All heavy atoms as atom14 arrays in JSON, in Angstrom:
{
  "sequence": "DAVALAAEVRRVRPTCGVALTVDMPTRVFVDRALKAGVLSIVPKSAGL",
  "atom14_mask": [
    [1, 1, 1, 1, 1, 1, 1, 1, 0, 0, 0, 0, 0, 0],
    [1, 1, 1, 1, 1, 0, 0, 0, 0, 0, 0, 0, 0, 0],
    [1, 1, 1, 1, 1, 1, 1, 0, 0, 0, 0, 0, 0, 0],
    [1, 1, 1, 1, 1, 0, 0, 0, 0, 0, 0, 0, 0, 0],
    [1, 1, 1, 1, 1, 1, 1, 1, 0, 0, 0, 0, 0, 0],
    [1, 1, 1, 1, 1, 0, 0, 0, 0, 0, 0, 0, 0, 0],
    [1, 1, 1, 1, 1, 0, 0, 0, 0, 0, 0, 0, 0, 0],
    [1, 1, 1, 1, 1, 1, 1, 1, 1, 0, 0, 0, 0, 0],
    [1, 1, 1, 1, 1, 1, 1, 0, 0, 0, 0, 0, 0, 0],
    [1, 1, 1, 1, 1, 1, 1, 1, 1, 1, 1, 0, 0, 0],
    [1, 1, 1, 1, 1, 1, 1, 1, 1, 1, 1, 0, 0, 0],
    [1, 1, 1, 1, 1, 1, 1, 0, 0, 0, 0, 0, 0, 0],
    [1, 1, 1, 1, 1, 1, 1, 1, 1, 1, 1, 0, 0, 0],
    [1, 1, 1, 1, 1, 1, 1, 0, 0, 0, 0, 0, 0, 0],
    [1, 1, 1, 1, 1, 1, 1, 0, 0, 0, 0, 0, 0, 0],
    [1, 1, 1, 1, 1, 1, 0, 0, 0, 0, 0, 0, 0, 0],
    [1, 1, 1, 1, 0, 0, 0, 0, 0, 0, 0, 0, 0, 0],
    [1, 1, 1, 1, 1, 1, 1, 0, 0, 0, 0, 0, 0, 0],
    [1, 1, 1, 1, 1, 0, 0, 0, 0, 0, 0, 0, 0, 0],
    [1, 1, 1, 1, 1, 1, 1, 1, 0, 0, 0, 0, 0, 0],
    [1, 1, 1, 1, 1, 1, 1, 0, 0, 0, 0, 0, 0, 0],
    [1, 1, 1, 1, 1, 1, 1, 0, 0, 0, 0, 0, 0, 0],
    [1, 1, 1, 1, 1, 1, 1, 1, 0, 0, 0, 0, 0, 0],
    [1, 1, 1, 1, 1, 1, 1, 1, 0, 0, 0, 0, 0, 0],
    [1, 1, 1, 1, 1, 1, 1, 0, 0, 0, 0, 0, 0, 0],
    [1, 1, 1, 1, 1, 1, 1, 0, 0, 0, 0, 0, 0, 0],
    [1, 1, 1, 1, 1, 1, 1, 1, 1, 1, 1, 0, 0, 0],
    [1, 1, 1, 1, 1, 1, 1, 0, 0, 0, 0, 0, 0, 0],
    [1, 1, 1, 1, 1, 1, 1, 1, 1, 1, 1, 0, 0, 0],
    [1, 1, 1, 1, 1, 1, 1, 0, 0, 0, 0, 0, 0, 0],
    [1, 1, 1, 1, 1, 1, 1, 1, 0, 0, 0, 0, 0, 0],
    [1, 1, 1, 1, 1, 1, 1, 1, 1, 1, 1, 0, 0, 0],
    [1, 1, 1, 1, 1, 0, 0, 0, 0, 0, 0, 0, 0, 0],
    [1, 1, 1, 1, 1, 1, 1, 1, 0, 0, 0, 0, 0, 0],
    [1, 1, 1, 1, 1, 1, 1, 1, 1, 0, 0, 0, 0, 0],
    [1, 1, 1, 1, 1, 0, 0, 0, 0, 0, 0, 0, 0, 0],
    [1, 1, 1, 1, 0, 0, 0, 0, 0, 0, 0, 0, 0, 0],
    [1, 1, 1, 1, 1, 1, 1, 0, 0, 0, 0, 0, 0, 0],
    [1, 1, 1, 1, 1, 1, 1, 1, 0, 0, 0, 0, 0, 0],
    [1, 1, 1, 1, 1, 1, 0, 0, 0, 0, 0, 0, 0, 0],
    [1, 1, 1, 1, 1, 1, 1, 1, 0, 0, 0, 0, 0, 0],
    [1, 1, 1, 1, 1, 1, 1, 0, 0, 0, 0, 0, 0, 0],
    [1, 1, 1, 1, 1, 1, 1, 0, 0, 0, 0, 0, 0, 0],
    [1, 1, 1, 1, 1, 1, 1, 1, 1, 0, 0, 0, 0, 0],
    [1, 1, 1, 1, 1, 1, 0, 0, 0, 0, 0, 0, 0, 0],
    [1, 1, 1, 1, 1, 0, 0, 0, 0, 0, 0, 0, 0, 0],
    [1, 1, 1, 1, 0, 0, 0, 0, 0, 0, 0, 0, 0, 0],
    [1, 1, 1, 1, 1, 1, 1, 1, 0, 0, 0, 0, 0, 0]
  ],
  "atom14_positions": [
    [[293.34, 151.88, 85.57], [293.09, 150.85, 84.58], [291.64, 150.4, 84.81], [291.34, 149.8, 85.84], [294.07, 149.7, 84.79], [293.85, 148.55, 83.83], [292.74, 148.43, 83.27], [294.79, 147.76, 83.63], [0.0, 0.0, 0.0], [0.0, 0.0, 0.0], [0.0, 0.0, 0.0], [0.0, 0.0, 0.0], [0.0, 0.0, 0.0], [0.0, 0.0, 0.0]],
    [[290.76, 150.72, 83.88], [289.34, 150.43, 84.07], [289.08, 148.94, 84.25], [288.18, 148.56, 85.01], [288.55, 150.95, 82.87], [0.0, 0.0, 0.0], [0.0, 0.0, 0.0], [0.0, 0.0, 0.0], [0.0, 0.0, 0.0], [0.0, 0.0, 0.0], [0.0, 0.0, 0.0], [0.0, 0.0, 0.0], [0.0, 0.0, 0.0], [0.0, 0.0, 0.0]],
    [[289.85, 148.09, 83.55], [289.63, 146.67, 83.66], [290.05, 146.18, 85.06], [289.36, 145.35, 85.69], [290.38, 145.9, 82.57], [290.29, 144.39, 82.76], [289.84, 146.3, 81.19], [0.0, 0.0, 0.0], [0.0, 0.0, 0.0], [0.0, 0.0, 0.0], [0.0, 0.0, 0.0], [0.0, 0.0, 0.0], [0.0, 0.0, 0.0], [0.0, 0.0, 0.0]],
    [[291.14, 146.7, 85.58], [291.56, 146.34, 86.95], [290.54, 146.83, 87.95], [290.24, 146.12, 88.94], [292.93, 146.95, 87.26], [0.0, 0.0, 0.0], [0.0, 0.0, 0.0], [0.0, 0.0, 0.0], [0.0, 0.0, 0.0], [0.0, 0.0, 0.0], [0.0, 0.0, 0.0], [0.0, 0.0, 0.0], [0.0, 0.0, 0.0], [0.0, 0.0, 0.0]],
    [[289.96, 148.01, 87.73], [288.93, 148.53, 88.62], [287.69, 147.63, 88.57], [287.09, 147.33, 89.6], [288.58, 149.95, 88.24], [287.58, 150.67, 89.15], [288.08, 150.74, 90.58], [287.3, 152.08, 88.61], [0.0, 0.0, 0.0], [0.0, 0.0, 0.0], [0.0, 0.0, 0.0], [0.0, 0.0, 0.0], [0.0, 0.0, 0.0], [0.0, 0.0, 0.0]],
    [[287.33, 147.18, 87.36], [286.2, 146.27, 87.24], [286.42, 144.98, 87.99], [285.54, 144.46, 88.7], [285.95, 145.97, 85.74], [0.0, 0.0, 0.0], [0.0, 0.0, 0.0], [0.0, 0.0, 0.0], [0.0, 0.0, 0.0], [0.0, 0.0, 0.0], [0.0, 0.0, 0.0], [0.0, 0.0, 0.0], [0.0, 0.0, 0.0], [0.0, 0.0, 0.0]],
    [[287.64, 144.44, 87.88], [287.98, 143.2, 88.59], [287.9, 143.41, 90.1], [287.45, 142.52, 90.83], [289.37, 142.73, 88.18], [0.0, 0.0, 0.0], [0.0, 0.0, 0.0], [0.0, 0.0, 0.0], [0.0, 0.0, 0.0], [0.0, 0.0, 0.0], [0.0, 0.0, 0.0], [0.0, 0.0, 0.0], [0.0, 0.0, 0.0], [0.0, 0.0, 0.0]],
    [[288.32, 144.59, 90.57], [288.26, 144.9, 92.01], [286.79, 144.97, 92.49], [286.45, 144.48, 93.57], [288.98, 146.22, 92.29], [288.94, 146.67, 93.72], [289.76, 145.82, 94.67], [290.42, 144.86, 94.23], [289.74, 146.1, 95.89], [0.0, 0.0, 0.0], [0.0, 0.0, 0.0], [0.0, 0.0, 0.0], [0.0, 0.0, 0.0], [0.0, 0.0, 0.0]],
    [[285.95, 145.59, 91.67], [284.51, 145.64, 92.01], [283.94, 144.24, 92.13], [283.24, 143.92, 93.11], [283.73, 146.44, 90.93], [282.23, 146.24, 91.11], [284.07, 147.92, 90.97], [0.0, 0.0, 0.0], [0.0, 0.0, 0.0], [0.0, 0.0, 0.0], [0.0, 0.0, 0.0], [0.0, 0.0, 0.0], [0.0, 0.0, 0.0], [0.0, 0.0, 0.0]],
    [[284.27, 143.38, 91.2], [283.76, 142.0, 91.22], [284.33, 141.24, 92.43], [283.68, 140.35, 92.98], [284.13, 141.27, 89.92], [283.55, 141.92, 88.67], [282.06, 141.74, 88.57], [281.78, 140.36, 88.26], [280.6, 139.77, 88.44], [279.62, 140.44, 88.99], [280.42, 138.51, 88.12], [0.0, 0.0, 0.0], [0.0, 0.0, 0.0], [0.0, 0.0, 0.0]],
    [[285.54, 141.61, 92.86], [286.14, 140.93, 94.01], [285.44, 141.34, 95.31], [285.11, 140.49, 96.13], [287.64, 141.26, 94.09], [288.37, 140.48, 95.19], [289.81, 140.95, 95.36], [289.89, 142.29, 95.92], [289.71, 142.58, 97.22], [289.4, 141.64, 98.07], [289.82, 143.82, 97.63], [0.0, 0.0, 0.0], [0.0, 0.0, 0.0], [0.0, 0.0, 0.0]],
    [[285.22, 142.66, 95.49], [284.62, 143.11, 96.75], [283.12, 142.9, 96.8], [282.54, 142.8, 97.87], [284.97, 144.59, 97.05], [286.46, 144.79, 97.13], [284.35, 145.53, 96.02], [0.0, 0.0, 0.0], [0.0, 0.0, 0.0], [0.0, 0.0, 0.0], [0.0, 0.0, 0.0], [0.0, 0.0, 0.0], [0.0, 0.0, 0.0], [0.0, 0.0, 0.0]],
    [[282.46, 142.88, 95.64], [281.02, 142.7, 95.6], [280.67, 141.85, 94.39], [280.28, 142.36, 93.35], [280.34, 144.06, 95.53], [278.84, 144.03, 95.57], [278.26, 143.57, 96.89], [278.51, 144.53, 97.96], [278.06, 144.34, 99.2], [277.37, 143.25, 99.49], [278.31, 145.22, 100.14], [0.0, 0.0, 0.0], [0.0, 0.0, 0.0], [0.0, 0.0, 0.0]],
    [[280.81, 140.5, 94.49], [280.6, 139.6, 93.33], [279.23, 139.72, 92.68], [279.08, 139.43, 91.49], [280.78, 138.21, 93.94], [281.64, 138.43, 95.16], [281.23, 139.77, 95.68], [0.0, 0.0, 0.0], [0.0, 0.0, 0.0], [0.0, 0.0, 0.0], [0.0, 0.0, 0.0], [0.0, 0.0, 0.0], [0.0, 0.0, 0.0], [0.0, 0.0, 0.0]],
    [[278.23, 140.18, 93.43], [276.87, 140.28, 92.86], [276.68, 141.57, 92.07], [275.65, 141.75, 91.43], [275.82, 140.21, 93.96], [276.06, 141.27, 94.92], [275.86, 138.87, 94.67], [0.0, 0.0, 0.0], [0.0, 0.0, 0.0], [0.0, 0.0, 0.0], [0.0, 0.0, 0.0], [0.0, 0.0, 0.0], [0.0, 0.0, 0.0], [0.0, 0.0, 0.0]],
    [[277.66, 142.47, 92.12], [277.54, 143.75, 91.41], [278.06, 143.59, 89.98], [279.2, 143.19, 89.76], [278.35, 144.82, 92.15], [278.3, 146.45, 91.36], [0.0, 0.0, 0.0], [0.0, 0.0, 0.0], [0.0, 0.0, 0.0], [0.0, 0.0, 0.0], [0.0, 0.0, 0.0], [0.0, 0.0, 0.0], [0.0, 0.0, 0.0], [0.0, 0.0, 0.0]],
    [[277.22, 143.92, 89.03], [277.66, 143.91, 87.64], [278.52, 145.13, 87.34], [278.5, 146.11, 88.1], [0.0, 0.0, 0.0], [0.0, 0.0, 0.0], [0.0, 0.0, 0.0], [0.0, 0.0, 0.0], [0.0, 0.0, 0.0], [0.0, 0.0, 0.0], [0.0, 0.0, 0.0], [0.0, 0.0, 0.0], [0.0, 0.0, 0.0], [0.0, 0.0, 0.0]],
    [[279.26, 145.11, 86.26], [280.08, 146.23, 85.86], [279.84, 146.54, 84.39], [279.82, 145.65, 83.55], [281.6, 145.95, 86.06], [282.43, 147.17, 85.66], [281.9, 145.56, 87.51], [0.0, 0.0, 0.0], [0.0, 0.0, 0.0], [0.0, 0.0, 0.0], [0.0, 0.0, 0.0], [0.0, 0.0, 0.0], [0.0, 0.0, 0.0], [0.0, 0.0, 0.0]],
    [[279.64, 147.82, 84.09], [279.51, 148.29, 82.72], [280.57, 149.38, 82.5], [280.87, 150.15, 83.41], [278.12, 148.84, 82.45], [0.0, 0.0, 0.0], [0.0, 0.0, 0.0], [0.0, 0.0, 0.0], [0.0, 0.0, 0.0], [0.0, 0.0, 0.0], [0.0, 0.0, 0.0], [0.0, 0.0, 0.0], [0.0, 0.0, 0.0], [0.0, 0.0, 0.0]],
    [[281.12, 149.46, 81.29], [282.13, 150.46, 80.95], [281.66, 151.31, 79.79], [281.06, 150.79, 78.85], [283.44, 149.78, 80.56], [284.04, 148.74, 81.52], [285.28, 148.12, 80.9], [284.37, 149.39, 82.85], [0.0, 0.0, 0.0], [0.0, 0.0, 0.0], [0.0, 0.0, 0.0], [0.0, 0.0, 0.0], [0.0, 0.0, 0.0], [0.0, 0.0, 0.0]],
    [[281.91, 152.62, 79.86], [281.73, 153.48, 78.69], [283.12, 153.82, 78.2], [283.99, 154.2, 78.98], [280.96, 154.77, 79.02], [281.69, 155.53, 79.98], [279.58, 154.44, 79.59], [0.0, 0.0, 0.0], [0.0, 0.0, 0.0], [0.0, 0.0, 0.0], [0.0, 0.0, 0.0], [0.0, 0.0, 0.0], [0.0, 0.0, 0.0], [0.0, 0.0, 0.0]],
    [[283.35, 153.65, 76.89], [284.68, 153.77, 76.32], [284.6, 154.62, 75.06], [283.67, 154.51, 74.3], [285.24, 152.37, 75.97], [286.68, 152.46, 75.53], [285.1, 151.42, 77.14], [0.0, 0.0, 0.0], [0.0, 0.0, 0.0], [0.0, 0.0, 0.0], [0.0, 0.0, 0.0], [0.0, 0.0, 0.0], [0.0, 0.0, 0.0], [0.0, 0.0, 0.0]],
    [[285.63, 155.45, 74.84], [285.65, 156.27, 73.63], [285.91, 155.43, 72.39], [285.14, 155.48, 71.43], [286.73, 157.37, 73.73], [286.26, 158.56, 74.51], [285.06, 158.82, 74.47], [287.07, 159.22, 75.14], [0.0, 0.0, 0.0], [0.0, 0.0, 0.0], [0.0, 0.0, 0.0], [0.0, 0.0, 0.0], [0.0, 0.0, 0.0], [0.0, 0.0, 0.0]],
    [[287.01, 154.66, 72.38], [287.35, 153.84, 71.22], [287.81, 152.45, 71.69], [289.01, 152.17, 71.72], [288.48, 154.52, 70.42], [288.04, 155.82, 69.78], [289.38, 156.63, 68.86], [290.4, 157.28, 70.19], [0.0, 0.0, 0.0], [0.0, 0.0, 0.0], [0.0, 0.0, 0.0], [0.0, 0.0, 0.0], [0.0, 0.0, 0.0], [0.0, 0.0, 0.0]],
    [[286.88, 151.6, 72.08], [287.28, 150.28, 72.57], [287.9, 149.42, 71.48], [287.5, 149.51, 70.32], [285.97, 149.67, 73.09], [284.9, 150.37, 72.3], [285.42, 151.76, 72.04], [0.0, 0.0, 0.0], [0.0, 0.0, 0.0], [0.0, 0.0, 0.0], [0.0, 0.0, 0.0], [0.0, 0.0, 0.0], [0.0, 0.0, 0.0], [0.0, 0.0, 0.0]],
    [[288.86, 148.61, 71.86], [289.49, 147.7, 70.93], [289.17, 146.26, 71.32], [288.69, 146.0, 72.41], [291.03, 147.87, 70.95], [291.5, 147.48, 72.25], [291.43, 149.29, 70.66], [0.0, 0.0, 0.0], [0.0, 0.0, 0.0], [0.0, 0.0, 0.0], [0.0, 0.0, 0.0], [0.0, 0.0, 0.0], [0.0, 0.0, 0.0], [0.0, 0.0, 0.0]],
    [[289.48, 145.34, 70.42], [289.22, 143.93, 70.71], [290.04, 143.46, 71.93], [289.55, 142.7, 72.76], [289.56, 143.07, 69.48], [289.32, 141.58, 69.67], [287.85, 141.29, 69.99], [287.63, 139.91, 70.35], [287.28, 138.98, 69.47], [287.09, 139.27, 68.2], [287.07, 137.74, 69.87], [0.0, 0.0, 0.0], [0.0, 0.0, 0.0], [0.0, 0.0, 0.0]],
    [[291.26, 143.92, 72.05], [292.11, 143.55, 73.18], [291.47, 144.03, 74.48], [291.37, 143.3, 75.47], [293.54, 144.14, 73.04], [294.36, 143.9, 74.3], [294.26, 143.55, 71.82], [0.0, 0.0, 0.0], [0.0, 0.0, 0.0], [0.0, 0.0, 0.0], [0.0, 0.0, 0.0], [0.0, 0.0, 0.0], [0.0, 0.0, 0.0], [0.0, 0.0, 0.0]],
    [[291.0, 145.29, 74.48], [290.35, 145.84, 75.66], [289.08, 145.06, 76.0], [288.83, 144.71, 77.16], [290.02, 147.31, 75.41], [289.36, 147.99, 76.59], [290.13, 148.56, 77.58], [287.98, 148.02, 76.72], [289.54, 149.18, 78.68], [287.37, 148.63, 77.8], [288.15, 149.21, 78.79], [0.0, 0.0, 0.0], [0.0, 0.0, 0.0], [0.0, 0.0, 0.0]],
    [[288.29, 144.75, 74.98], [287.03, 144.0, 75.18], [287.33, 142.64, 75.78], [286.68, 142.21, 76.72], [286.24, 143.88, 73.87], [285.09, 142.89, 74.0], [285.74, 145.23, 73.41], [0.0, 0.0, 0.0], [0.0, 0.0, 0.0], [0.0, 0.0, 0.0], [0.0, 0.0, 0.0], [0.0, 0.0, 0.0], [0.0, 0.0, 0.0], [0.0, 0.0, 0.0]],
    [[288.32, 141.95, 75.24], [288.69, 140.61, 75.75], [289.1, 140.68, 77.2], [288.68, 139.86, 78.03], [289.83, 140.01, 74.92], [289.36, 139.58, 73.53], [288.13, 139.48, 73.32], [290.21, 139.34, 72.66], [0.0, 0.0, 0.0], [0.0, 0.0, 0.0], [0.0, 0.0, 0.0], [0.0, 0.0, 0.0], [0.0, 0.0, 0.0], [0.0, 0.0, 0.0]],
    [[289.94, 141.67, 77.56], [290.37, 141.82, 78.96], [289.18, 142.1, 79.88], [289.07, 141.57, 80.98], [291.4, 142.96, 79.1], [292.78, 142.63, 78.56], [293.72, 143.81, 78.8], [293.87, 144.11, 80.2], [293.84, 145.35, 80.73], [293.7, 146.4, 79.92], [293.98, 145.54, 82.0], [0.0, 0.0, 0.0], [0.0, 0.0, 0.0], [0.0, 0.0, 0.0]],
    [[288.3, 142.99, 79.39], [287.15, 143.39, 80.2], [286.21, 142.19, 80.45], [285.73, 142.02, 81.56], [286.39, 144.53, 79.51], [0.0, 0.0, 0.0], [0.0, 0.0, 0.0], [0.0, 0.0, 0.0], [0.0, 0.0, 0.0], [0.0, 0.0, 0.0], [0.0, 0.0, 0.0], [0.0, 0.0, 0.0], [0.0, 0.0, 0.0], [0.0, 0.0, 0.0]],
    [[285.96, 141.41, 79.42], [285.09, 140.26, 79.57], [285.67, 139.26, 80.56], [284.96, 138.67, 81.39], [284.81, 139.59, 78.23], [283.94, 140.4, 77.26], [283.85, 139.7, 75.9], [282.54, 140.59, 77.83], [0.0, 0.0, 0.0], [0.0, 0.0, 0.0], [0.0, 0.0, 0.0], [0.0, 0.0, 0.0], [0.0, 0.0, 0.0], [0.0, 0.0, 0.0]],
    [[286.98, 139.07, 80.5], [287.64, 138.15, 81.44], [287.53, 138.67, 82.87], [287.52, 137.88, 83.84], [289.11, 137.96, 81.08], [289.32, 137.1, 79.85], [290.78, 137.0, 79.47], [290.95, 136.22, 78.18], [292.33, 136.25, 77.68], [0.0, 0.0, 0.0], [0.0, 0.0, 0.0], [0.0, 0.0, 0.0], [0.0, 0.0, 0.0], [0.0, 0.0, 0.0]],
    [[287.44, 140.0, 83.03], [287.31, 140.6, 84.37], [285.89, 140.58, 84.89], [285.6, 141.01, 86.0], [287.85, 142.02, 84.35], [0.0, 0.0, 0.0], [0.0, 0.0, 0.0], [0.0, 0.0, 0.0], [0.0, 0.0, 0.0], [0.0, 0.0, 0.0], [0.0, 0.0, 0.0], [0.0, 0.0, 0.0], [0.0, 0.0, 0.0], [0.0, 0.0, 0.0]],
    [[284.94, 140.11, 84.05], [283.55, 140.01, 84.49], [282.68, 141.17, 84.1], [281.57, 141.34, 84.63], [0.0, 0.0, 0.0], [0.0, 0.0, 0.0], [0.0, 0.0, 0.0], [0.0, 0.0, 0.0], [0.0, 0.0, 0.0], [0.0, 0.0, 0.0], [0.0, 0.0, 0.0], [0.0, 0.0, 0.0], [0.0, 0.0, 0.0], [0.0, 0.0, 0.0]],
    [[283.14, 142.03, 83.19], [282.34, 143.17, 82.74], [281.15, 142.66, 81.95], [281.28, 141.78, 81.09], [283.2, 144.14, 81.9], [282.34, 145.19, 81.22], [284.27, 144.79, 82.76], [0.0, 0.0, 0.0], [0.0, 0.0, 0.0], [0.0, 0.0, 0.0], [0.0, 0.0, 0.0], [0.0, 0.0, 0.0], [0.0, 0.0, 0.0], [0.0, 0.0, 0.0]],
    [[279.96, 143.22, 82.23], [278.73, 142.79, 81.54], [278.46, 143.61, 80.28], [277.82, 143.12, 79.36], [277.54, 142.94, 82.48], [277.49, 142.01, 83.69], [276.28, 142.33, 84.55], [277.45, 140.57, 83.23], [0.0, 0.0, 0.0], [0.0, 0.0, 0.0], [0.0, 0.0, 0.0], [0.0, 0.0, 0.0], [0.0, 0.0, 0.0], [0.0, 0.0, 0.0]],
    [[278.9, 144.85, 80.24], [278.57, 145.71, 79.11], [279.7, 146.68, 78.84], [280.27, 147.27, 79.76], [277.29, 146.48, 79.4], [276.98, 147.34, 78.34], [0.0, 0.0, 0.0], [0.0, 0.0, 0.0], [0.0, 0.0, 0.0], [0.0, 0.0, 0.0], [0.0, 0.0, 0.0], [0.0, 0.0, 0.0], [0.0, 0.0, 0.0], [0.0, 0.0, 0.0]],
    [[280.05, 146.84, 77.56], [281.0, 147.86, 77.12], [280.28, 148.64, 76.02], [279.87, 148.08, 75.0], [282.29, 147.23, 76.55], [282.95, 146.35, 77.6], [283.23, 148.33, 76.07], [284.13, 145.58, 77.1], [0.0, 0.0, 0.0], [0.0, 0.0, 0.0], [0.0, 0.0, 0.0], [0.0, 0.0, 0.0], [0.0, 0.0, 0.0], [0.0, 0.0, 0.0]],
    [[280.11, 149.93, 76.27], [279.35, 150.75, 75.35], [280.22, 151.89, 74.81], [280.72, 152.69, 75.59], [278.1, 151.35, 76.04], [277.24, 152.07, 75.01], [277.31, 150.28, 76.74], [0.0, 0.0, 0.0], [0.0, 0.0, 0.0], [0.0, 0.0, 0.0], [0.0, 0.0, 0.0], [0.0, 0.0, 0.0], [0.0, 0.0, 0.0], [0.0, 0.0, 0.0]],
    [[280.41, 151.94, 73.5], [281.14, 153.1, 72.94], [280.32, 154.35, 73.14], [279.1, 154.36, 72.99], [281.24, 152.76, 71.44], [280.88, 151.33, 71.33], [280.0, 151.0, 72.49], [0.0, 0.0, 0.0], [0.0, 0.0, 0.0], [0.0, 0.0, 0.0], [0.0, 0.0, 0.0], [0.0, 0.0, 0.0], [0.0, 0.0, 0.0], [0.0, 0.0, 0.0]],
    [[280.99, 155.46, 73.51], [280.25, 156.7, 73.73], [279.58, 157.2, 72.44], [278.6, 157.89, 72.48], [281.18, 157.77, 74.3], [281.61, 157.42, 75.71], [282.5, 158.5, 76.26], [282.99, 158.07, 77.62], [283.89, 159.04, 78.21], [0.0, 0.0, 0.0], [0.0, 0.0, 0.0], [0.0, 0.0, 0.0], [0.0, 0.0, 0.0], [0.0, 0.0, 0.0]],
    [[280.16, 156.79, 71.33], [279.58, 157.19, 70.03], [278.22, 156.55, 69.79], [277.5, 156.95, 68.89], [280.53, 156.8, 68.9], [280.75, 155.4, 68.89], [0.0, 0.0, 0.0], [0.0, 0.0, 0.0], [0.0, 0.0, 0.0], [0.0, 0.0, 0.0], [0.0, 0.0, 0.0], [0.0, 0.0, 0.0], [0.0, 0.0, 0.0], [0.0, 0.0, 0.0]],
    [[277.86, 155.55, 70.59], [276.58, 154.87, 70.43], [275.41, 155.78, 70.77], [274.27, 155.55, 70.35], [276.52, 153.61, 71.29], [0.0, 0.0, 0.0], [0.0, 0.0, 0.0], [0.0, 0.0, 0.0], [0.0, 0.0, 0.0], [0.0, 0.0, 0.0], [0.0, 0.0, 0.0], [0.0, 0.0, 0.0], [0.0, 0.0, 0.0], [0.0, 0.0, 0.0]],
    [[275.63, 156.81, 71.55], [274.57, 157.73, 71.9], [273.98, 157.44, 73.26], [274.08, 156.33, 73.79], [0.0, 0.0, 0.0], [0.0, 0.0, 0.0], [0.0, 0.0, 0.0], [0.0, 0.0, 0.0], [0.0, 0.0, 0.0], [0.0, 0.0, 0.0], [0.0, 0.0, 0.0], [0.0, 0.0, 0.0], [0.0, 0.0, 0.0], [0.0, 0.0, 0.0]],
    [[273.33, 158.47, 73.84], [272.81, 158.38, 75.18], [271.73, 157.32, 75.33], [271.7, 156.56, 76.32], [272.28, 159.76, 75.62], [271.88, 159.9, 77.07], [273.04, 159.58, 78.01], [271.33, 161.3, 77.34], [0.0, 0.0, 0.0], [0.0, 0.0, 0.0], [0.0, 0.0, 0.0], [0.0, 0.0, 0.0], [0.0, 0.0, 0.0], [0.0, 0.0, 0.0]]
  ]
}
């Protein structure tokens, strides 16, 4: 679960930011990720 992994990163290293690359992110996923402290969510369709 990428959001749980992000939360774990923030727990073990609070100063480390987290960014996610997602194929088809949804609003529910985005909301969960933001609550977990994720700084960036980028759809892969956005390009390199």
